[in-house]
Protein backbone atom coordinates (compact mmCIF):
# COMPACT_ATOMS: atom_id res chain seq x y z
CA MET A 1 43.48 -18.53 21.33
CA SER A 2 42.86 -19.11 17.55
CA GLN A 3 43.98 -16.45 14.84
CA THR A 4 40.62 -17.70 13.00
CA ALA A 5 38.44 -16.56 15.47
CA ASN A 6 38.40 -12.68 13.40
CA VAL A 7 38.00 -14.13 10.05
CA PRO A 8 34.48 -14.21 8.85
CA SER A 9 33.51 -17.28 7.01
CA ASP A 10 31.94 -17.71 3.99
CA ALA A 11 28.61 -18.10 5.19
CA GLU A 12 28.64 -14.63 7.51
CA VAL A 13 30.20 -12.77 4.01
CA ALA A 14 27.39 -13.84 1.99
CA ARG A 15 24.86 -12.67 5.09
CA HIS A 16 26.22 -9.27 5.03
CA THR A 17 26.45 -9.15 1.46
CA ARG A 18 22.48 -9.75 1.10
CA PHE A 19 21.63 -8.30 4.53
CA GLY A 20 24.16 -5.76 5.90
CA LYS A 21 22.31 -2.64 4.78
CA LEU A 22 18.73 -1.58 4.91
CA PRO A 23 16.69 -0.60 1.82
CA GLU A 24 15.91 2.48 0.55
CA ARG A 25 13.47 4.48 2.39
CA ILE A 26 10.02 4.69 0.66
CA ARG A 27 8.20 7.76 1.26
CA LEU A 28 4.47 7.20 3.08
CA GLU A 29 2.75 9.00 -0.14
CA ASP A 30 4.72 6.36 -2.44
CA THR A 31 3.19 3.40 -0.43
CA THR A 32 -0.76 4.23 -0.74
CA GLU A 33 -3.09 4.74 -4.02
CA GLY A 34 -6.30 6.29 -4.18
CA HIS A 35 -9.41 4.99 -6.54
CA ALA A 36 -13.11 5.72 -6.45
CA ALA A 37 -15.30 2.85 -4.34
CA THR A 38 -17.81 2.38 -7.16
CA VAL A 39 -17.75 3.40 -10.58
CA LEU A 40 -20.06 6.93 -11.13
CA ASP A 41 -23.25 5.76 -12.61
CA PRO A 42 -25.31 8.51 -14.24
CA ALA A 43 -28.52 7.19 -14.48
CA ARG A 44 -28.53 6.05 -11.09
CA ASP A 45 -27.88 9.85 -9.75
CA ALA A 46 -30.49 11.20 -12.14
CA TYR A 47 -33.23 9.73 -9.73
CA ASN A 48 -34.50 12.55 -7.82
CA TYR A 49 -35.69 11.38 -4.28
CA ASP A 50 -38.00 14.27 -3.69
CA GLU A 51 -40.00 13.35 -6.95
CA TRP A 52 -41.34 10.19 -4.88
CA LEU A 53 -42.23 12.16 -1.93
CA VAL A 54 -44.03 14.61 -3.93
CA ARG A 55 -46.16 12.29 -5.80
CA MET A 56 -46.76 9.98 -3.09
CA CYS A 57 -47.56 12.36 -0.40
CA LEU A 58 -49.73 15.04 -1.76
């Protein structure tokens, strides 16, 4: 049996240096972001739907 079997190669050392530990844990709250789906338009929301009903149906 060879003594070099237990010695890690340069590639194994490089791989362990790069991938040997897990990244830091990220909280779920830090992964999501909330935004309004549309920009609020005051002119659009000023329309009264009941006004049309009163004018056309009476």
